Amino acid sequence: EQKEQVTPRRLAGGKLVLRLEAEGTYQCSLTGLIFEVTSAVRVTYSLLSWSKFASLVERPWIVGGPLFDISCDAAPALTSIQFPHSLCLGG
């Protein structure tokens, strides 16, 4: 499947914003997030720290990857978000 590479605009507070103008599949050049949309949307997102939310993760679960805060101005048009995979090769 063809993904268009897009570079987000940086906002204050570490937020990123993408204005996706048409239906398609787009991949963020900074985070690797992939957004599938059915029409024009504005997606705002940021990377959060697990330190604030780690206490919500109960055993046997462990923190295993990045935590994103994502919002969209036309939620029905955002049909899927694919998150990048991470793999720890140390120890």
PDB file of N, CA and C in Angstrom:
ATOM      1  N   GLU A   1       0.846  -1.190   0.000  1.00  0.00           N
ATOM      2  CA  GLU A   1       0.000   0.000   0.000  1.00  0.00           C
ATOM      3  C   GLU A   1       0.887   1.249   0.000  1.00  0.00           C
ATOM      4  N   GLN A   2       0.533   2.196  -0.837  1.00  0.00           N
ATOM      5  CA  GLN A   2       1.307   3.428  -0.986  1.00  0.00           C
ATOM      6  C   GLN A   2       0.982   4.409   0.144  1.00  0.00           C
ATOM      7  N   LYS A   3       2.026   4.916   0.830  1.00  0.00           N
ATOM      8  CA  LYS A   3       1.854   5.894   1.890  1.00  0.00           C
ATOM      9  C   LYS A   3       2.582   7.171   1.480  1.00  0.00           C
ATOM     10  N   GLU A   4       1.908   8.284   1.612  1.00  0.00           N
ATOM     11  CA  GLU A   4       2.551   9.563   1.326  1.00  0.00           C
ATOM     12  C   GLU A   4       3.283  10.031   2.575  1.00  0.00           C
ATOM     13  N   GLN A   5       4.572  10.329   2.463  1.00  0.00           N
ATOM     14  CA  GLN A   5       5.359  10.848   3.581  1.00  0.00           C
ATOM     15  C   GLN A   5       4.996  12.318   3.793  1.00  0.00           C
ATOM     16  N   VAL A   6       4.678  12.672   5.035  1.00  0.00           N
ATOM     17  CA  VAL A   6       4.336  14.052   5.361  1.00  0.00           C
ATOM     18  C   VAL A   6       5.137  14.494   6.576  1.00  0.00           C
ATOM     19  N   THR A   7       5.510  15.758   6.598  1.00  0.00           N
ATOM     20  CA  THR A   7       6.246  16.322   7.720  1.00  0.00           C
ATOM     21  C   THR A   7       5.328  17.267   8.472  1.00  0.00           C
ATOM     22  N   PRO A   8       5.134  17.023   9.759  1.00  0.00           N
ATOM     23  CA  PRO A   8       4.226  17.863  10.545  1.00  0.00           C
ATOM     24  C   PRO A   8       4.821  19.223  10.856  1.00  0.00           C
ATOM     25  N   ARG A   9       3.936  20.144  11.182  1.00  0.00           N
ATOM     26  CA  ARG A   9       4.344  21.464  11.670  1.00  0.00           C
ATOM     27  C   ARG A   9       4.422  21.366  13.187  1.00  0.00           C
ATOM     28  N   ARG A  10       5.442  21.961  13.769  1.00  0.00           N
ATOM     29  CA  ARG A  10       5.615  21.924  15.229  1.00  0.00           C
ATOM     30  C   ARG A  10       4.860  23.081  15.880  1.00  0.00           C
ATOM     31  N   LEU A  11       4.149  22.753  16.950  1.00  0.00           N
ATOM     32  CA  LEU A  11       3.439  23.754  17.745  1.00  0.00           C
ATOM     33  C   LEU A  11       4.105  23.844  19.118  1.00  0.00           C
ATOM     34  N   ALA A  12       3.688  24.801  19.905  1.00  0.00           N
ATOM     35  CA  ALA A  12       4.205  24.958  21.265  1.00  0.00           C
ATOM     36  C   ALA A  12       3.891  23.711  22.088  1.00  0.00           C
ATOM     37  N   GLY A  13       4.719  23.444  23.082  1.00  0.00           N
ATOM     38  CA  GLY A  13       4.469  22.334  23.989  1.00  0.00           C
ATOM     39  C   GLY A  13       4.776  20.971  23.395  1.00  0.00           C
ATOM     40  N   GLY A  14       5.557  20.924  22.327  1.00  0.00           N
ATOM     41  CA  GLY A  14       5.928  19.644  21.735  1.00  0.00           C
ATOM     42  C   GLY A  14       4.865  19.006  20.866  1.00  0.00           C
ATOM     43  N   LYS A  15       3.785  19.728  20.595  1.00  0.00           N
ATOM     44  CA  LYS A  15       2.718  19.186  19.750  1.00  0.00           C
ATOM     45  C   LYS A  15       3.106  19.272  18.281  1.00  0.00           C
ATOM     46  N   LEU A  16       2.580  18.336  17.521  1.00  0.00           N
ATOM     47  CA  LEU A  16       2.772  18.289  16.075  1.00  0.00           C
ATOM     48  C   LEU A  16       1.397  18.357  15.416  1.00  0.00           C
ATOM     49  N   VAL A  17       1.331  18.951  14.238  1.00  0.00           N
ATOM     50  CA  VAL A  17       0.047  19.030  13.537  1.00  0.00           C
ATOM     51  C   VAL A  17       0.254  18.698  12.063  1.00  0.00           C
ATOM     52  N   LEU A  18      -0.679  17.897  11.545  1.00  0.00           N
ATOM     53  CA  LEU A  18      -0.716  17.581  10.120  1.00  0.00           C
ATOM     54  C   LEU A  18      -2.064  18.019   9.569  1.00  0.00           C
ATOM     55  N   ARG A  19      -2.051  18.690   8.444  1.00  0.00           N
ATOM     56  CA  ARG A  19      -3.286  18.990   7.720  1.00  0.00           C
ATOM     57  C   ARG A  19      -3.259  18.099   6.487  1.00  0.00           C
ATOM     58  N   LEU A  20      -4.093  17.072   6.515  1.00  0.00           N
ATOM     59  CA  LEU A  20      -4.165  16.118   5.414  1.00  0.00           C
ATOM     60  C   LEU A  20      -5.318  16.543   4.522  1.00  0.00           C
ATOM     61  N   GLU A  21      -5.023  16.874   3.281  1.00  0.00           N
ATOM     62  CA  GLU A  21      -5.978  17.555   2.394  1.00  0.00           C
ATOM     63  C   GLU A  21      -6.941  16.651   1.653  1.00  0.00           C
ATOM     64  N   ALA A  22      -6.689  15.341   1.610  1.00  0.00           N
ATOM     65  CA  ALA A  22      -7.545  14.465   0.820  1.00  0.00           C
ATOM     66  C   ALA A  22      -7.495  13.039   1.364  1.00  0.00           C
ATOM     67  N   GLU A  23      -8.408  12.218   0.895  1.00  0.00           N
ATOM     68  CA  GLU A  23      -8.437  10.803   1.263  1.00  0.00           C
ATOM     69  C   GLU A  23      -7.095  10.160   0.920  1.00  0.00           C
ATOM     70  N   GLY A  24      -6.630   9.276   1.804  1.00  0.00           N
ATOM     71  CA  GLY A  24      -5.382   8.583   1.529  1.00  0.00           C
ATOM     72  C   GLY A  24      -4.733   8.024   2.774  1.00  0.00           C
ATOM     73  N   THR A  25      -3.520   7.524   2.598  1.00  0.00           N
ATOM     74  CA  THR A  25      -2.726   6.967   3.688  1.00  0.00           C
ATOM     75  C   THR A  25      -1.434   7.779   3.777  1.00  0.00           C
ATOM     76  N   TYR A  26      -1.176   8.322   4.952  1.00  0.00           N
ATOM     77  CA  TYR A  26      -0.061   9.249   5.167  1.00  0.00           C
ATOM     78  C   TYR A  26       0.818   8.748   6.302  1.00  0.00           C
ATOM     79  N   GLN A  27       2.140   8.899   6.157  1.00  0.00           N
ATOM     80  CA  GLN A  27       3.068   8.512   7.213  1.00  0.00           C
ATOM     81  C   GLN A  27       3.867   9.724   7.668  1.00  0.00           C
ATOM     82  N   CYS A  28       3.863   9.965   8.983  1.00  0.00           N
ATOM     83  CA  CYS A  28       4.615  11.068   9.569  1.00  0.00           C
ATOM     84  C   CYS A  28       6.106  10.775   9.475  1.00  0.00           C
ATOM     85  N   SER A  29       6.857  11.713   8.931  1.00  0.00           N
ATOM     86  CA  SER A  29       8.300  11.539   8.751  1.00  0.00           C
ATOM     87  C   SER A  29       9.066  11.604  10.077  1.00  0.00           C
ATOM     88  N   LEU A  30       8.469  12.137  11.128  1.00  0.00           N
ATOM     89  CA  LEU A  30       9.156  12.256  12.421  1.00  0.00           C
ATOM     90  C   LEU A  30       8.862  11.102  13.373  1.00  0.00           C
ATOM     91  N   THR A  31       7.602  10.641  13.419  1.00  0.00           N
ATOM     92  CA  THR A  31       7.205   9.633  14.406  1.00  0.00           C
ATOM     93  C   THR A  31       6.970   8.249  13.814  1.00  0.00           C
ATOM     94  N   GLY A  32       6.757   8.154  12.507  1.00  0.00           N
ATOM     95  CA  GLY A  32       6.424   6.876  11.886  1.00  0.00           C
ATOM     96  C   GLY A  32       4.953   6.531  11.960  1.00  0.00           C
ATOM     97  N   LEU A  33       4.150   7.361  12.651  1.00  0.00           N
ATOM     98  CA  LEU A  33       2.707   7.112  12.711  1.00  0.00           C
ATOM     99  C   LEU A  33       2.112   7.133  11.306  1.00  0.00           C
ATOM    100  N   ILE A  34       1.152   6.250  11.058  1.00  0.00           N
ATOM    101  CA  ILE A  34       0.476   6.186   9.761  1.00  0.00           C
ATOM    102  C   ILE A  34      -1.000   6.491   9.985  1.00  0.00           C
ATOM    103  N   PHE A  35      -1.518   7.453   9.237  1.00  0.00           N
ATOM    104  CA  PHE A  35      -2.913   7.875   9.350  1.00  0.00           C
ATOM    105  C   PHE A  35      -3.649   7.534   8.052  1.00  0.00           C
ATOM    106  N   GLU A  36      -4.782   6.854   8.175  1.00  0.00           N
ATOM    107  CA  GLU A  36      -5.652   6.607   7.028  1.00  0.00           C
ATOM    108  C   GLU A  36      -6.864   7.502   7.181  1.00  0.00           C
ATOM    109  N   VAL A  37      -7.165   8.289   6.153  1.00  0.00           N
ATOM    110  CA  VAL A  37      -8.286   9.222   6.230  1.00  0.00           C
ATOM    111  C   VAL A  37      -9.164   9.104   4.986  1.00  0.00           C
ATOM    112  N   THR A  38     -10.449   9.448   5.154  1.00  0.00           N
ATOM    113  CA  THR A  38     -11.398   9.395   4.038  1.00  0.00           C
ATOM    114  C   THR A  38     -11.695  10.775   3.468  1.00  0.00           C
ATOM    115  N   SER A  39     -11.233  11.819   4.146  1.00  0.00           N
ATOM    116  CA  SER A  39     -11.402  13.191   3.651  1.00  0.00           C
ATOM    117  C   SER A  39     -10.390  14.090   4.359  1.00  0.00           C
ATOM    118  N   ALA A  40     -10.420  15.359   4.047  1.00  0.00           N
ATOM    119  CA  ALA A  40      -9.485  16.315   4.649  1.00  0.00           C
ATOM    120  C   ALA A  40      -9.679  16.376   6.166  1.00  0.00           C
ATOM    121  N   VAL A  41      -8.560  16.362   6.903  1.00  0.00           N
ATOM    122  CA  VAL A  41      -8.592  16.431   8.366  1.00  0.00           C
ATOM    123  C   VAL A  41      -7.370  17.185   8.869  1.00  0.00           C
ATOM    124  N   ARG A  42      -7.473  17.620  10.110  1.00  0.00           N
ATOM    125  CA  ARG A  42      -6.329  18.209  10.830  1.00  0.00           C
ATOM    126  C   ARG A  42      -6.083  17.309  12.032  1.00  0.00           C
ATOM    127  N   VAL A  43      -4.898  16.713  12.097  1.00  0.00           N
ATOM    128  CA  VAL A  43      -4.544  15.808  13.186  1.00  0.00           C
ATOM    129  C   VAL A  43      -3.468  16.475  14.034  1.00  0.00           C
ATOM    130  N   THR A  44      -3.708  16.552  15.342  1.00  0.00           N
ATOM    131  CA  THR A  44      -2.758  17.122  16.291  1.00  0.00           C
ATOM    132  C   THR A  44      -2.313  16.002  17.225  1.00  0.00           C
ATOM    133  N   TYR A  45      -1.010  15.885  17.455  1.00  0.00           N
ATOM    134  CA  TYR A  45      -0.528  14.794  18.296  1.00  0.00           C
ATOM    135  C   TYR A  45       0.778  15.174  18.971  1.00  0.00           C
ATOM    136  N   SER A  46       1.067  14.447  20.050  1.00  0.00           N
ATOM    137  CA  SER A  46       2.312  14.667  20.777  1.00  0.00           C
ATOM    138  C   SER A  46       2.710  13.386  21.482  1.00  0.00           C
ATOM    139  N   LEU A  47       3.979  13.312  21.822  1.00  0.00           N
ATOM    140  CA  LEU A  47       4.522  12.189  22.564  1.00  0.00           C
ATOM    141  C   LEU A  47       4.418  12.539  24.047  1.00  0.00           C
ATOM    142  N   LEU A  48       3.879  11.614  24.834  1.00  0.00           N
ATOM    143  CA  LEU A  48       3.728  11.836  26.277  1.00  0.00           C
ATOM    144  C   LEU A  48       4.769  11.034  27.048  1.00  0.00           C
ATOM    145  N   SER A  49       4.980  11.416  28.291  1.00  0.00           N
ATOM    146  CA  SER A  49       5.895  10.700  29.164  1.00  0.00           C
ATOM    147  C   SER A  49       5.131   9.624  29.933  1.00  0.00           C
ATOM    148  N   TRP A  50       5.703   8.429  29.989  1.00  0.00           N
ATOM    149  CA  TRP A  50       5.069   7.347  30.739  1.00  0.00           C
ATOM    150  C   TRP A  50       5.109   7.615  32.242  1.00  0.00           C
ATOM    151  N   SER A  51       5.970   8.500  32.724  1.00  0.00           N
ATOM    152  CA  SER A  51       6.086   8.721  34.167  1.00  0.00           C
ATOM    153  C   SER A  51       4.749   9.130  34.776  1.00  0.00           C
ATOM    154  N   LYS A  52       3.950   9.841  34.030  1.00  0.00           N
ATOM    155  CA  LYS A  52       2.648  10.292  34.520  1.00  0.00           C
ATOM    156  C   LYS A  52       1.606   9.163  34.532  1.00  0.00           C
ATOM    157  N   PHE A  53       1.779   8.144  33.686  1.00  0.00           N
ATOM    158  CA  PHE A  53       0.758   7.112  33.514  1.00  0.00           C
ATOM    159  C   PHE A  53       1.211   5.711  33.904  1.00  0.00           C
ATOM    160  N   ALA A  54       2.477   5.522  34.261  1.00  0.00           N
ATOM    161  CA  ALA A  54       3.022   4.193  34.542  1.00  0.00           C
ATOM    162  C   ALA A  54       2.272   3.482  35.668  1.00  0.00           C
ATOM    163  N   SER A  55       1.762   4.216  36.630  1.00  0.00           N
ATOM    164  CA  SER A  55       1.053   3.588  37.747  1.00  0.00           C
ATOM    165  C   SER A  55      -0.260   2.926  37.300  1.00  0.00           C
ATOM    166  N   LEU A  56      -0.745   3.261  36.124  1.00  0.00           N
ATOM    167  CA  LEU A  56      -1.963   2.657  35.596  1.00  0.00           C
ATOM    168  C   LEU A  56      -1.718   1.295  34.942  1.00  0.00           C
ATOM    169  N   VAL A  57      -0.455   0.984  34.704  1.00  0.00           N
ATOM    170  CA  VAL A  57      -0.085  -0.283  34.066  1.00  0.00           C
ATOM    171  C   VAL A  57       0.131  -1.315  35.164  1.00  0.00           C
ATOM    172  N   GLU A  58      -0.728  -2.342  35.179  1.00  0.00           N
ATOM    173  CA  GLU A  58      -0.662  -3.356  36.226  1.00  0.00           C
ATOM    174  C   GLU A  58       0.008  -4.628  35.716  1.00  0.00           C
ATOM    175  N   ARG A  59       0.702  -5.329  36.603  1.00  0.00           N
ATOM    176  CA  ARG A  59       1.345  -6.596  36.253  1.00  0.00           C
ATOM    177  C   ARG A  59       0.289  -7.576  35.772  1.00  0.00           C
ATOM    178  N   PRO A  60       0.570  -8.394  34.789  1.00  0.00           N
ATOM    179  CA  PRO A  60       1.852  -8.703  34.182  1.00  0.00           C
ATOM    180  C   PRO A  60       2.234  -7.750  33.054  1.00  0.00           C
ATOM    181  N   TRP A  61       1.475  -6.703  32.815  1.00  0.00           N
ATOM    182  CA  TRP A  61       1.762  -5.755  31.745  1.00  0.00           C
ATOM    183  C   TRP A  61       2.920  -4.858  32.140  1.00  0.00           C
ATOM    184  N   ILE A  62       3.679  -4.419  31.140  1.00  0.00           N
ATOM    185  CA  ILE A  62       4.777  -3.490  31.365  1.00  0.00           C
ATOM    186  C   ILE A  62       4.727  -2.407  30.288  1.00  0.00           C
ATOM    187  N   VAL A  63       5.341  -1.287  30.588  1.00  0.00           N
ATOM    188  CA  VAL A  63       5.444  -0.207  29.609  1.00  0.00           C
ATOM    189  C   VAL A  63       6.321  -0.718  28.467  1.00  0.00           C
ATOM    190  N   GLY A  64       5.828  -0.587  27.229  1.00  0.00           N
ATOM    191  CA  GLY A  64       6.564  -1.204  26.140  1.00  0.00           C
ATOM    192  C   GLY A  64       6.778  -0.350  24.912  1.00  0.00           C
ATOM    193  N   GLY A  65       6.418   0.888  24.919  1.00  0.00           N
ATOM    194  CA  GLY A  65       6.609   1.687  23.722  1.00  0.00           C
ATOM    195  C   GLY A  65       6.188   3.117  23.954  1.00  0.00           C
ATOM    196  N   PRO A  66       6.210   3.906  22.904  1.00  0.00           N
ATOM    197  CA  PRO A  66       5.844   5.315  23.047  1.00  0.00           C
ATOM    198  C   PRO A  66       4.357   5.491  23.349  1.00  0.00           C
ATOM    199  N   LEU A  67       4.033   6.584  23.996  1.00  0.00           N
ATOM    200  CA  LEU A  67       2.660   6.929  24.353  1.00  0.00           C
ATOM    201  C   LEU A  67       2.311   8.222  23.631  1.00  0.00           C
ATOM    202  N   PHE A  68       1.246   8.194  22.836  1.00  0.00           N
ATOM    203  CA  PHE A  68       0.856   9.355  22.040  1.00  0.00           C
ATOM    204  C   PHE A  68      -0.483   9.916  22.501  1.00  0.00           C
ATOM    205  N   ASP A  69      -0.633  11.221  22.417  1.00  0.00           N
ATOM    206  CA  ASP A  69      -1.907  11.917  22.611  1.00  0.00           C
ATOM    207  C   ASP A  69      -2.300  12.424  21.226  1.00  0.00           C
ATOM    208  N   ILE A  70      -3.410  11.911  20.684  1.00  0.00           N
ATOM    209  CA  ILE A  70      -3.803  12.226  19.307  1.00  0.00           C
ATOM    210  C   ILE A  70      -5.227  12.756  19.290  1.00  0.00           C
ATOM    211  N   SER A  71      -5.441  13.869  18.565  1.00  0.00           N
ATOM    212  CA  SER A  71      -6.807  14.382  18.372  1.00  0.00           C
ATOM    213  C   SER A  71      -6.984  14.760  16.907  1.00  0.00           C
ATOM    214  N   CYS A  72      -8.244  14.774  16.484  1.00  0.00           N
ATOM    215  CA  CYS A  72      -8.557  15.023  15.081  1.00  0.00           C
ATOM    216  C   CYS A  72      -9.789  15.903  15.017  1.00  0.00           C
ATOM    217  N   ASP A  73      -9.788  16.908  14.133  1.00  0.00           N
ATOM    218  CA  ASP A  73     -10.930  17.822  14.040  1.00  0.00           C
ATOM    219  C   ASP A  73     -12.137  17.210  13.322  1.00  0.00           C
ATOM    220  N   ALA A  74     -11.940  16.092  12.630  1.00  0.00           N
ATOM    221  CA  ALA A  74     -13.039  15.413  11.931  1.00  0.00           C
ATOM    222  C   ALA A  74     -12.890  13.917  12.183  1.00  0.00           C
ATOM    223  N   ALA A  75     -13.144  13.508  13.424  1.00  0.00           N
ATOM    224  CA  ALA A  75     -12.866  12.137  13.861  1.00  0.00           C
ATOM    225  C   ALA A  75     -13.428  11.047  12.941  1.00  0.00           C
ATOM    226  N   PRO A  76     -14.644  11.175  12.404  1.00  0.00           N
ATOM    227  CA  PRO A  76     -15.140  10.106  11.531  1.00  0.00           C
ATOM    228  C   PRO A  76     -14.288   9.895  10.273  1.00  0.00           C
ATOM    229  N   ALA A  77     -13.570  10.904   9.841  1.00  0.00           N
ATOM    230  CA  ALA A  77     -12.739  10.794   8.639  1.00  0.00           C
ATOM    231  C   ALA A  77     -11.425  10.059   8.898  1.00  0.00           C
ATOM    232  N   LEU A  78     -11.005   9.980  10.156  1.00  0.00           N
ATOM    233  CA  LEU A  78      -9.772   9.281  10.517  1.00  0.00           C
ATOM    234  C   LEU A  78     -10.134   7.826  10.778  1.00  0.00           C
ATOM    235  N   THR A  79      -9.877   6.960   9.790  1.00  0.00           N
ATOM    236  CA  THR A  79     -10.349   5.574   9.887  1.00  0.00           C
ATOM    237  C   THR A  79      -9.383   4.644  10.591  1.00  0.00           C
ATOM    238  N   SER A  80      -8.076   4.964  10.587  1.00  0.00           N
ATOM    239  CA  SER A  80      -7.130   4.136  11.339  1.00  0.00           C
ATOM    240  C   SER A  80      -5.835   4.894  11.600  1.00  0.00           C
ATOM    241  N   ILE A  81      -5.172   4.465  12.676  1.00  0.00           N
ATOM    242  CA  ILE A  81      -3.840   4.957  13.012  1.00  0.00           C
ATOM    243  C   ILE A  81      -2.984   3.720  13.227  1.00  0.00           C
ATOM    244  N   GLN A  82      -1.857   3.658  12.556  1.00  0.00           N
ATOM    245  CA  GLN A  82      -0.924   2.556  12.745  1.00  0.00           C
ATOM    246  C   GLN A  82       0.287   3.104  13.493  1.00  0.00           C
ATOM    247  N   PHE A  83       0.628   2.437  14.595  1.00  0.00           N
ATOM    248  CA  PHE A  83       1.718   2.886  15.436  1.00  0.00           C
ATOM    249  C   PHE A  83       3.002   2.150  15.069  1.00  0.00           C
ATOM    250  N   PRO A  84       4.142   2.843  15.164  1.00  0.00           N
ATOM    251  CA  PRO A  84       5.414   2.158  14.842  1.00  0.00           C
ATOM    252  C   PRO A  84       5.705   1.078  15.875  1.00  0.00           C
ATOM    253  N   HIS A  85       6.342   0.015  15.438  1.00  0.00           N
ATOM    254  CA  HIS A  85       6.733  -1.046  16.339  1.00  0.00           C
ATOM    255  C   HIS A  85       8.087  -0.723  16.939  1.00  0.00           C
ATOM    256  N   SER A  86       8.292  -1.172  18.161  1.00  0.00           N
ATOM    257  CA  SER A  86       9.617  -1.002  18.765  1.00  0.00           C
ATOM    258  C   SER A  86      10.047  -2.347  19.341  1.00  0.00           C
ATOM    259  N   LEU A  87      11.323  -2.576  19.341  1.00  0.00           N
ATOM    260  CA  LEU A  87      11.869  -3.832  19.812  1.00  0.00           C
ATOM    261  C   LEU A  87      13.152  -3.554  20.587  1.00  0.00           C
ATOM    262  N   CYS A  88      13.190  -4.014  21.813  1.00  0.00           N
ATOM    263  CA  CYS A  88      14.392  -3.822  22.631  1.00  0.00           C
ATOM    264  C   CYS A  88      15.312  -5.014  22.410  1.00  0.00           C
ATOM    265  N   LEU A  89      16.492  -4.750  21.904  1.00  0.00           N
ATOM    266  CA  LEU A  89      17.444  -5.828  21.643  1.00  0.00           C
ATOM    267  C   LEU A  89      18.482  -5.975  22.754  1.00  0.00           C
ATOM    268  N   GLY A  90      18.444  -5.064  23.715  1.00  0.00           N
ATOM    269  CA  GLY A  90      19.402  -5.134  24.822  1.00  0.00           C
ATOM    270  C   GLY A  90      18.902  -6.022  25.930  1.00  0.00           C
ATOM    271  N   GLY A  91      19.758  -6.935  26.451  1.00  0.00           N
ATOM    272  CA  GLY A  91      19.438  -7.783  27.604  1.00  0.00           C
ATOM    273  C   GLY A  91      18.187  -8.539  27.431  1.00  0.00           C
TER     274      GLY A  91
END
